[in-house]
Amino acid sequence: MRWIRFFLLIVSLVVIQTAIFPSLRVFGAVPDLLLVATVAVAYERGPEAGAVFGFVAGAAIDVFLASPMGVSALAFALTGYGIGIFQSGLVRSSRWMAPILGGIGGLVGGFLWICIASIAGQDDLFATASFRILVTAAIYDALVAFLVFPFARWACGEPDFAHR
């Protein structure tokens, strides 16, 4: 049942990401809803679920990007795994955890995306403009995390304390 909810979350976020958010750019940046959802799943379910969800979500959004296929999938999977490892030592009760993790995940995932895309042949990404957009997008990710985290929590279902 959880995987059906994950599928619904990914499909709905891909539609929102590709249909609505390109019109809502702030200083040239858009939030990466699927990366924020990956961070949320990793926070809720741990590193393995974060990596798998991140890979599938990244592959889903890669279909719509002009970058080489698999760049987002790899960047999201690594980010999900890293956040999943990191989350074990975090306090669970803060309402600010979603935007903090959303922003950190946006920075880490965006930087990984730039590095992986550069290795895959996108030579023009290591520029000042790319890093300005990366920071702006990470702030945007932190803001949308308030909205994305509850949906990701729903998709994760009941907490499994063996993963905490």
N, C-alpha and C. Protein backbone atom coordinates (compact mmCIF):
# COMPACT_ATOMS: atom_id res chain seq x y z
N MET A 1 0.82 -1.20 0.00
CA MET A 1 0.00 0.00 0.00
C MET A 1 0.86 1.26 0.00
N ARG A 2 1.98 1.21 0.74
CA ARG A 2 2.86 2.37 0.81
C ARG A 2 3.41 2.72 -0.57
N TRP A 3 3.75 1.71 -1.38
CA TRP A 3 4.32 2.00 -2.69
C TRP A 3 3.30 2.63 -3.63
N ILE A 4 2.02 2.32 -3.45
CA ILE A 4 0.98 2.99 -4.24
C ILE A 4 0.93 4.47 -3.86
N ARG A 5 1.02 4.76 -2.57
CA ARG A 5 1.03 6.16 -2.14
C ARG A 5 2.29 6.88 -2.62
N PHE A 6 3.42 6.18 -2.60
CA PHE A 6 4.64 6.79 -3.14
C PHE A 6 4.48 7.10 -4.63
N PHE A 7 3.88 6.17 -5.36
CA PHE A 7 3.63 6.39 -6.80
C PHE A 7 2.73 7.61 -7.01
N LEU A 8 1.65 7.70 -6.24
CA LEU A 8 0.75 8.84 -6.36
C LEU A 8 1.45 10.15 -6.01
N LEU A 9 2.29 10.12 -4.99
CA LEU A 9 3.05 11.32 -4.61
C LEU A 9 3.99 11.74 -5.73
N ILE A 10 4.71 10.80 -6.30
CA ILE A 10 5.65 11.12 -7.37
C ILE A 10 4.92 11.68 -8.59
N VAL A 11 3.85 11.02 -9.01
CA VAL A 11 3.11 11.49 -10.19
C VAL A 11 2.54 12.88 -9.96
N SER A 12 1.94 13.10 -8.80
CA SER A 12 1.35 14.42 -8.54
C SER A 12 2.42 15.51 -8.47
N LEU A 13 3.56 15.22 -7.86
CA LEU A 13 4.62 16.22 -7.78
C LEU A 13 5.27 16.48 -9.14
N VAL A 14 5.39 15.45 -9.98
CA VAL A 14 5.91 15.67 -11.33
C VAL A 14 4.99 16.59 -12.11
N VAL A 15 3.68 16.36 -12.00
CA VAL A 15 2.72 17.22 -12.70
C VAL A 15 2.81 18.66 -12.19
N ILE A 16 2.83 18.83 -10.88
CA ILE A 16 2.93 20.18 -10.31
C ILE A 16 4.25 20.84 -10.69
N GLN A 17 5.34 20.07 -10.61
CA GLN A 17 6.68 20.60 -10.92
C GLN A 17 6.78 21.06 -12.38
N THR A 18 6.22 20.28 -13.29
CA THR A 18 6.38 20.60 -14.71
C THR A 18 5.30 21.52 -15.25
N ALA A 19 4.13 21.55 -14.63
CA ALA A 19 3.03 22.36 -15.17
C ALA A 19 2.87 23.71 -14.48
N ILE A 20 3.14 23.78 -13.19
CA ILE A 20 2.85 25.01 -12.44
C ILE A 20 4.11 25.80 -12.11
N PHE A 21 5.12 25.14 -11.57
CA PHE A 21 6.26 25.87 -11.03
C PHE A 21 7.16 26.54 -12.07
N PRO A 22 7.21 26.11 -13.32
CA PRO A 22 7.99 26.91 -14.28
C PRO A 22 7.49 28.36 -14.40
N SER A 23 6.24 28.59 -14.09
CA SER A 23 5.68 29.95 -14.13
C SER A 23 5.91 30.71 -12.83
N LEU A 24 6.41 30.05 -11.82
CA LEU A 24 6.61 30.66 -10.51
C LEU A 24 8.09 30.81 -10.16
N ARG A 25 8.89 31.16 -11.13
CA ARG A 25 10.33 31.34 -10.90
C ARG A 25 10.58 32.55 -10.01
N VAL A 26 11.55 32.42 -9.13
CA VAL A 26 12.02 33.52 -8.30
C VAL A 26 13.51 33.66 -8.57
N PHE A 27 13.92 34.78 -9.15
CA PHE A 27 15.31 35.03 -9.53
C PHE A 27 15.87 33.89 -10.38
N GLY A 28 15.04 33.35 -11.25
CA GLY A 28 15.46 32.29 -12.16
C GLY A 28 15.42 30.89 -11.59
N ALA A 29 15.01 30.74 -10.34
CA ALA A 29 15.03 29.44 -9.68
C ALA A 29 13.61 28.94 -9.42
N VAL A 30 13.46 27.63 -9.49
CA VAL A 30 12.21 26.97 -9.10
C VAL A 30 12.55 25.94 -8.03
N PRO A 31 11.62 25.65 -7.15
CA PRO A 31 11.91 24.61 -6.15
C PRO A 31 11.90 23.24 -6.81
N ASP A 32 12.57 22.31 -6.20
CA ASP A 32 12.58 20.95 -6.70
C ASP A 32 11.71 20.11 -5.76
N LEU A 33 10.44 20.01 -6.10
CA LEU A 33 9.48 19.34 -5.23
C LEU A 33 9.84 17.88 -4.98
N LEU A 34 10.33 17.20 -6.00
CA LEU A 34 10.67 15.79 -5.84
C LEU A 34 11.90 15.60 -4.97
N LEU A 35 12.82 16.53 -5.02
CA LEU A 35 13.98 16.46 -4.11
C LEU A 35 13.53 16.69 -2.67
N VAL A 36 12.64 17.63 -2.46
CA VAL A 36 12.11 17.89 -1.11
C VAL A 36 11.34 16.66 -0.62
N ALA A 37 10.56 16.03 -1.50
CA ALA A 37 9.84 14.81 -1.11
C ALA A 37 10.82 13.69 -0.78
N THR A 38 11.91 13.60 -1.52
CA THR A 38 12.94 12.60 -1.23
C THR A 38 13.53 12.82 0.16
N VAL A 39 13.80 14.07 0.49
CA VAL A 39 14.32 14.41 1.82
C VAL A 39 13.30 14.03 2.89
N ALA A 40 12.03 14.30 2.64
CA ALA A 40 10.97 13.98 3.60
C ALA A 40 10.85 12.47 3.81
N VAL A 41 10.90 11.71 2.72
CA VAL A 41 10.81 10.24 2.83
C VAL A 41 12.03 9.71 3.58
N ALA A 42 13.21 10.23 3.28
CA ALA A 42 14.42 9.80 3.99
C ALA A 42 14.33 10.13 5.47
N TYR A 43 13.76 11.27 5.79
CA TYR A 43 13.59 11.67 7.19
C TYR A 43 12.62 10.74 7.91
N GLU A 44 11.55 10.37 7.23
CA GLU A 44 10.52 9.53 7.84
C GLU A 44 10.88 8.04 7.87
N ARG A 45 11.52 7.54 6.79
CA ARG A 45 11.69 6.10 6.64
C ARG A 45 13.13 5.61 6.64
N GLY A 46 14.11 6.51 6.64
CA GLY A 46 15.49 6.08 6.70
C GLY A 46 16.21 6.09 5.36
N PRO A 47 17.48 5.68 5.38
CA PRO A 47 18.32 5.83 4.19
C PRO A 47 17.93 4.95 3.00
N GLU A 48 17.52 3.71 3.24
CA GLU A 48 17.19 2.83 2.12
C GLU A 48 15.96 3.34 1.38
N ALA A 49 14.90 3.66 2.12
CA ALA A 49 13.69 4.18 1.48
C ALA A 49 13.97 5.52 0.81
N GLY A 50 14.79 6.35 1.45
CA GLY A 50 15.14 7.64 0.85
C GLY A 50 15.88 7.48 -0.46
N ALA A 51 16.81 6.53 -0.50
CA ALA A 51 17.58 6.30 -1.73
C ALA A 51 16.71 5.74 -2.85
N VAL A 52 15.86 4.77 -2.53
CA VAL A 52 15.00 4.18 -3.56
C VAL A 52 13.98 5.19 -4.05
N PHE A 53 13.32 5.88 -3.12
CA PHE A 53 12.36 6.91 -3.52
C PHE A 53 13.05 7.99 -4.34
N GLY A 54 14.22 8.42 -3.91
CA GLY A 54 14.96 9.45 -4.63
C GLY A 54 15.33 9.02 -6.04
N PHE A 55 15.74 7.77 -6.19
CA PHE A 55 16.09 7.29 -7.53
C PHE A 55 14.87 7.28 -8.44
N VAL A 56 13.76 6.75 -7.96
CA VAL A 56 12.55 6.69 -8.78
C VAL A 56 12.03 8.09 -9.08
N ALA A 57 12.00 8.96 -8.07
CA ALA A 57 11.53 10.34 -8.28
C ALA A 57 12.45 11.08 -9.24
N GLY A 58 13.75 10.91 -9.09
CA GLY A 58 14.70 11.55 -9.99
C GLY A 58 14.58 11.05 -11.41
N ALA A 59 14.37 9.74 -11.58
CA ALA A 59 14.18 9.20 -12.92
C ALA A 59 12.89 9.75 -13.55
N ALA A 60 11.86 9.93 -12.72
CA ALA A 60 10.59 10.47 -13.23
C ALA A 60 10.76 11.90 -13.73
N ILE A 61 11.49 12.72 -13.01
CA ILE A 61 11.67 14.12 -13.43
C ILE A 61 12.72 14.23 -14.54
N ASP A 62 13.65 13.29 -14.60
CA ASP A 62 14.66 13.30 -15.67
C ASP A 62 14.03 13.23 -17.05
N VAL A 63 12.88 12.59 -17.15
CA VAL A 63 12.20 12.48 -18.44
C VAL A 63 11.86 13.86 -19.00
N PHE A 64 11.65 14.82 -18.13
CA PHE A 64 11.22 16.16 -18.55
C PHE A 64 12.37 17.17 -18.63
N LEU A 65 13.58 16.77 -18.30
CA LEU A 65 14.71 17.69 -18.30
C LEU A 65 15.59 17.49 -19.53
N ALA A 66 16.31 18.53 -19.90
CA ALA A 66 17.21 18.47 -21.05
C ALA A 66 18.57 17.90 -20.68
N SER A 67 18.81 17.67 -19.42
CA SER A 67 20.10 17.12 -18.97
C SER A 67 20.15 15.63 -19.29
N PRO A 68 21.34 15.03 -19.22
CA PRO A 68 21.45 13.59 -19.47
C PRO A 68 20.56 12.78 -18.52
N MET A 69 19.96 11.75 -19.06
CA MET A 69 19.06 10.90 -18.27
C MET A 69 19.83 10.25 -17.13
N GLY A 70 19.26 10.30 -15.95
CA GLY A 70 19.84 9.66 -14.78
C GLY A 70 20.56 10.60 -13.84
N VAL A 71 20.78 11.84 -14.26
CA VAL A 71 21.48 12.80 -13.40
C VAL A 71 20.67 13.07 -12.14
N SER A 72 19.40 13.40 -12.30
CA SER A 72 18.55 13.66 -11.13
C SER A 72 18.36 12.39 -10.31
N ALA A 73 18.21 11.25 -10.98
CA ALA A 73 18.01 9.99 -10.26
C ALA A 73 19.19 9.71 -9.33
N LEU A 74 20.40 9.88 -9.83
CA LEU A 74 21.58 9.63 -9.00
C LEU A 74 21.72 10.67 -7.90
N ALA A 75 21.53 11.94 -8.25
CA ALA A 75 21.66 13.02 -7.24
C ALA A 75 20.61 12.86 -6.14
N PHE A 76 19.37 12.55 -6.52
CA PHE A 76 18.30 12.40 -5.52
C PHE A 76 18.54 11.17 -4.65
N ALA A 77 19.00 10.06 -5.26
CA ALA A 77 19.26 8.84 -4.49
C ALA A 77 20.36 9.08 -3.46
N LEU A 78 21.44 9.74 -3.88
CA LEU A 78 22.53 10.03 -2.94
C LEU A 78 22.08 10.98 -1.83
N THR A 79 21.28 11.98 -2.20
CA THR A 79 20.77 12.92 -1.20
C THR A 79 19.84 12.20 -0.22
N GLY A 80 18.94 11.38 -0.74
CA GLY A 80 18.02 10.63 0.12
C GLY A 80 18.76 9.71 1.08
N TYR A 81 19.78 9.04 0.57
CA TYR A 81 20.56 8.16 1.44
C TYR A 81 21.29 8.96 2.51
N GLY A 82 21.90 10.06 2.11
CA GLY A 82 22.63 10.90 3.07
C GLY A 82 21.73 11.49 4.14
N ILE A 83 20.59 12.01 3.75
CA ILE A 83 19.64 12.57 4.73
C ILE A 83 19.11 11.45 5.62
N GLY A 84 18.88 10.27 5.05
CA GLY A 84 18.42 9.14 5.85
C GLY A 84 19.41 8.73 6.92
N ILE A 85 20.70 8.77 6.59
CA ILE A 85 21.74 8.47 7.58
C ILE A 85 21.79 9.58 8.63
N PHE A 86 21.71 10.81 8.17
CA PHE A 86 21.80 11.99 9.04
C PHE A 86 20.61 12.09 10.00
N GLN A 87 19.43 11.66 9.58
CA GLN A 87 18.21 11.85 10.37
C GLN A 87 18.18 11.06 11.67
N SER A 88 18.99 10.03 11.79
CA SER A 88 18.92 9.20 13.00
C SER A 88 19.30 9.96 14.26
N GLY A 89 20.09 11.02 14.13
CA GLY A 89 20.49 11.78 15.30
C GLY A 89 19.72 13.06 15.52
N LEU A 90 18.62 13.24 14.80
CA LEU A 90 17.87 14.50 14.88
C LEU A 90 16.73 14.44 15.88
N VAL A 91 16.43 15.57 16.47
CA VAL A 91 15.27 15.71 17.34
C VAL A 91 14.03 15.73 16.46
N ARG A 92 12.99 15.05 16.84
CA ARG A 92 11.82 14.88 16.00
C ARG A 92 10.73 15.92 16.19
N SER A 93 10.76 16.71 17.23
CA SER A 93 9.58 17.50 17.57
C SER A 93 9.54 18.91 16.98
N SER A 94 10.60 19.38 16.38
CA SER A 94 10.63 20.75 15.91
C SER A 94 9.82 20.94 14.63
N ARG A 95 8.98 21.97 14.62
CA ARG A 95 8.21 22.27 13.40
C ARG A 95 9.11 22.86 12.32
N TRP A 96 10.29 23.30 12.70
CA TRP A 96 11.23 23.89 11.75
C TRP A 96 12.10 22.84 11.07
N MET A 97 11.92 21.57 11.43
CA MET A 97 12.73 20.52 10.83
C MET A 97 12.47 20.40 9.33
N ALA A 98 11.23 20.55 8.90
CA ALA A 98 10.91 20.43 7.47
C ALA A 98 11.64 21.48 6.64
N PRO A 99 11.54 22.77 6.97
CA PRO A 99 12.26 23.74 6.13
C PRO A 99 13.78 23.65 6.25
N ILE A 100 14.27 23.29 7.43
CA ILE A 100 15.72 23.15 7.59
C ILE A 100 16.23 22.01 6.70
N LEU A 101 15.57 20.86 6.79
CA LEU A 101 15.98 19.73 5.96
C LEU A 101 15.71 20.00 4.49
N GLY A 102 14.61 20.68 4.18
CA GLY A 102 14.32 21.03 2.79
C GLY A 102 15.42 21.90 2.20
N GLY A 103 15.87 22.88 2.96
CA GLY A 103 16.95 23.76 2.49
C GLY A 103 18.28 23.04 2.37
N ILE A 104 18.62 22.25 3.38
CA ILE A 104 19.88 21.49 3.34
C ILE A 104 19.84 20.49 2.19
N GLY A 105 18.71 19.78 2.08
CA GLY A 105 18.57 18.82 0.98
C GLY A 105 18.64 19.49 -0.38
N GLY A 106 18.06 20.69 -0.49
CA GLY A 106 18.13 21.44 -1.74
C GLY A 106 19.56 21.82 -2.10
N LEU A 107 20.32 22.26 -1.10
CA LEU A 107 21.73 22.61 -1.35
C LEU A 107 22.55 21.38 -1.75
N VAL A 108 22.42 20.32 -0.96
CA VAL A 108 23.20 19.11 -1.22
C VAL A 108 22.79 18.48 -2.55
N GLY A 109 21.49 18.31 -2.75
CA GLY A 109 21.01 17.70 -3.98
C GLY A 109 21.34 18.53 -5.21
N GLY A 110 21.20 19.84 -5.09
CA GLY A 110 21.53 20.72 -6.21
C GLY A 110 23.01 20.69 -6.55
N PHE A 111 23.85 20.69 -5.52
CA PHE A 111 25.30 20.62 -5.76
C PHE A 111 25.67 19.28 -6.38
N LEU A 112 25.10 18.19 -5.87
CA LEU A 112 25.35 16.88 -6.48
C LEU A 112 24.89 16.85 -7.93
N TRP A 113 23.73 17.45 -8.20
CA TRP A 113 23.21 17.49 -9.57
C TRP A 113 24.19 18.22 -10.48
N ILE A 114 24.71 19.36 -10.04
CA ILE A 114 25.67 20.12 -10.84
C ILE A 114 26.93 19.28 -11.09
N CYS A 115 27.44 18.63 -10.06
CA CYS A 115 28.65 17.81 -10.22
C CYS A 115 28.42 16.64 -11.17
N ILE A 116 27.32 15.92 -10.98
CA ILE A 116 27.03 14.75 -11.82
C ILE A 116 26.77 15.17 -13.25
N ALA A 117 26.01 16.24 -13.45
CA ALA A 117 25.74 16.72 -14.81
C ALA A 117 27.02 17.19 -15.48
N SER A 118 27.93 17.80 -14.73
CA SER A 118 29.21 18.22 -15.29
C SER A 118 30.03 17.02 -15.74
N ILE A 119 30.04 15.97 -14.93
CA ILE A 119 30.74 14.75 -15.30
C ILE A 119 30.11 14.12 -16.53
N ALA A 120 28.79 14.25 -16.66
CA ALA A 120 28.06 13.66 -17.79
C ALA A 120 28.14 14.51 -19.05
N GLY A 121 28.85 15.65 -18.99
CA GLY A 121 29.06 16.41 -20.21
C GLY A 121 28.47 17.80 -20.26
N GLN A 122 27.81 18.25 -19.22
CA GLN A 122 27.26 19.60 -19.16
C GLN A 122 28.35 20.53 -18.61
N ASP A 123 29.20 21.03 -19.48
CA ASP A 123 30.40 21.76 -19.05
C ASP A 123 30.12 23.15 -18.50
N ASP A 124 29.01 23.75 -18.81
CA ASP A 124 28.75 25.14 -18.46
C ASP A 124 28.13 25.34 -17.08
N LEU A 125 28.06 24.32 -16.26
CA LEU A 125 27.34 24.43 -15.00
C LEU A 125 28.16 25.01 -13.85
N PHE A 126 29.48 24.89 -13.91
CA PHE A 126 30.30 25.46 -12.84
C PHE A 126 30.53 26.94 -13.12
N ALA A 127 29.48 27.72 -12.88
CA ALA A 127 29.51 29.17 -13.10
C ALA A 127 28.85 29.85 -11.91
N THR A 128 29.14 31.12 -11.74
CA THR A 128 28.56 31.88 -10.64
C THR A 128 27.04 31.88 -10.68
N ALA A 129 26.49 31.99 -11.88
CA ALA A 129 25.03 32.01 -12.03
C ALA A 129 24.40 30.71 -11.54
N SER A 130 25.06 29.58 -11.80
CA SER A 130 24.53 28.29 -11.35
C SER A 130 24.46 28.22 -9.83
N PHE A 131 25.47 28.72 -9.16
CA PHE A 131 25.49 28.66 -7.70
C PHE A 131 24.53 29.68 -7.08
N ARG A 132 24.31 30.80 -7.75
CA ARG A 132 23.30 31.76 -7.29
C ARG A 132 21.92 31.13 -7.38
N ILE A 133 21.65 30.47 -8.50
CA ILE A 133 20.36 29.79 -8.67
C ILE A 133 20.24 28.64 -7.68
N LEU A 134 21.33 27.92 -7.42
CA LEU A 134 21.32 26.82 -6.46
C LEU A 134 20.92 27.30 -5.07
N VAL A 135 21.48 28.40 -4.61
CA VAL A 135 21.15 28.93 -3.29
C VAL A 135 19.71 29.43 -3.26
N THR A 136 19.28 30.12 -4.30
CA THR A 136 17.90 30.61 -4.36
C THR A 136 16.92 29.44 -4.37
N ALA A 137 17.22 28.41 -5.15
CA ALA A 137 16.36 27.23 -5.21
C ALA A 137 16.31 26.51 -3.86
N ALA A 138 17.42 26.47 -3.13
CA ALA A 138 17.44 25.83 -1.81
C ALA A 138 16.56 26.59 -0.83
N ILE A 139 16.57 27.90 -0.90
CA ILE A 139 15.67 28.70 -0.05
C ILE A 139 14.22 28.42 -0.43
N TYR A 140 13.95 28.36 -1.72
CA TYR A 140 12.61 28.04 -2.23
C TYR A 140 12.21 26.64 -1.76
N ASP A 141 13.15 25.68 -1.82
CA ASP A 141 12.88 24.31 -1.34
C ASP A 141 12.51 24.32 0.14
N ALA A 142 13.20 25.14 0.93
CA ALA A 142 12.90 25.23 2.36
C ALA A 142 11.48 25.73 2.58
N LEU A 143 11.04 26.67 1.76
CA LEU A 143 9.69 27.21 1.91
C LEU A 143 8.62 26.20 1.50
N VAL A 144 8.83 25.50 0.39
CA VAL A 144 7.81 24.53 -0.05
C VAL A 144 7.83 23.27 0.80
N ALA A 145 8.89 23.08 1.61
CA ALA A 145 8.95 21.90 2.47
C ALA A 145 7.78 21.87 3.45
N PHE A 146 7.29 23.05 3.86
CA PHE A 146 6.11 23.09 4.74
C PHE A 146 4.92 22.39 4.09
N LEU A 147 4.81 22.45 2.77
CA LEU A 147 3.69 21.84 2.06
C LEU A 147 3.97 20.40 1.65
N VAL A 148 5.21 20.10 1.28
CA VAL A 148 5.55 18.78 0.75
C VAL A 148 5.69 17.74 1.85
N PHE A 149 6.26 18.10 2.98
CA PHE A 149 6.50 17.13 4.05
C PHE A 149 5.23 16.43 4.54
N PRO A 150 4.10 17.13 4.75
CA PRO A 150 2.90 16.41 5.18
C PRO A 150 2.41 15.37 4.16
N PHE A 151 2.53 15.67 2.87
CA PHE A 151 2.12 14.70 1.86
C PHE A 151 3.07 13.51 1.82
N ALA A 152 4.35 13.77 2.00
CA ALA A 152 5.31 12.68 2.05
C ALA A 152 5.09 11.83 3.30
N ARG A 153 4.75 12.47 4.41
CA ARG A 153 4.45 11.74 5.64
C ARG A 153 3.24 10.83 5.44
N TRP A 154 2.22 11.34 4.72
CA TRP A 154 1.05 10.52 4.39
C TRP A 154 1.47 9.33 3.54
N ALA A 155 2.32 9.56 2.55
CA ALA A 155 2.75 8.48 1.66
C ALA A 155 3.56 7.42 2.41
N CYS A 156 4.30 7.85 3.43
CA CYS A 156 5.11 6.91 4.21
C CYS A 156 4.27 6.01 5.09
N GLY A 157 3.07 6.43 5.42
CA GLY A 157 2.20 5.62 6.26
C GLY A 157 2.61 5.66 7.71
N GLU A 158 2.24 4.64 8.42
CA GLU A 158 2.53 4.55 9.85
C GLU A 158 4.03 4.45 10.08
N PRO A 159 4.53 5.10 11.13
CA PRO A 159 5.97 5.03 11.40
C PRO A 159 6.41 3.62 11.74
N ASP A 160 7.55 3.26 11.23
CA ASP A 160 8.17 1.97 11.52
C ASP A 160 9.37 2.26 12.41
N PHE A 161 9.23 2.01 13.69
CA PHE A 161 10.25 2.41 14.64
C PHE A 161 11.54 1.59 14.51
N ALA A 162 11.51 0.53 13.73
CA ALA A 162 12.74 -0.22 13.48
C ALA A 162 13.68 0.58 12.59
N HIS A 163 13.14 1.56 11.83
CA HIS A 163 13.96 2.37 10.93
C HIS A 163 14.43 3.65 11.60
N ARG A 164 14.09 3.89 12.83
CA ARG A 164 14.44 5.15 13.51
C ARG A 164 15.72 5.00 14.24
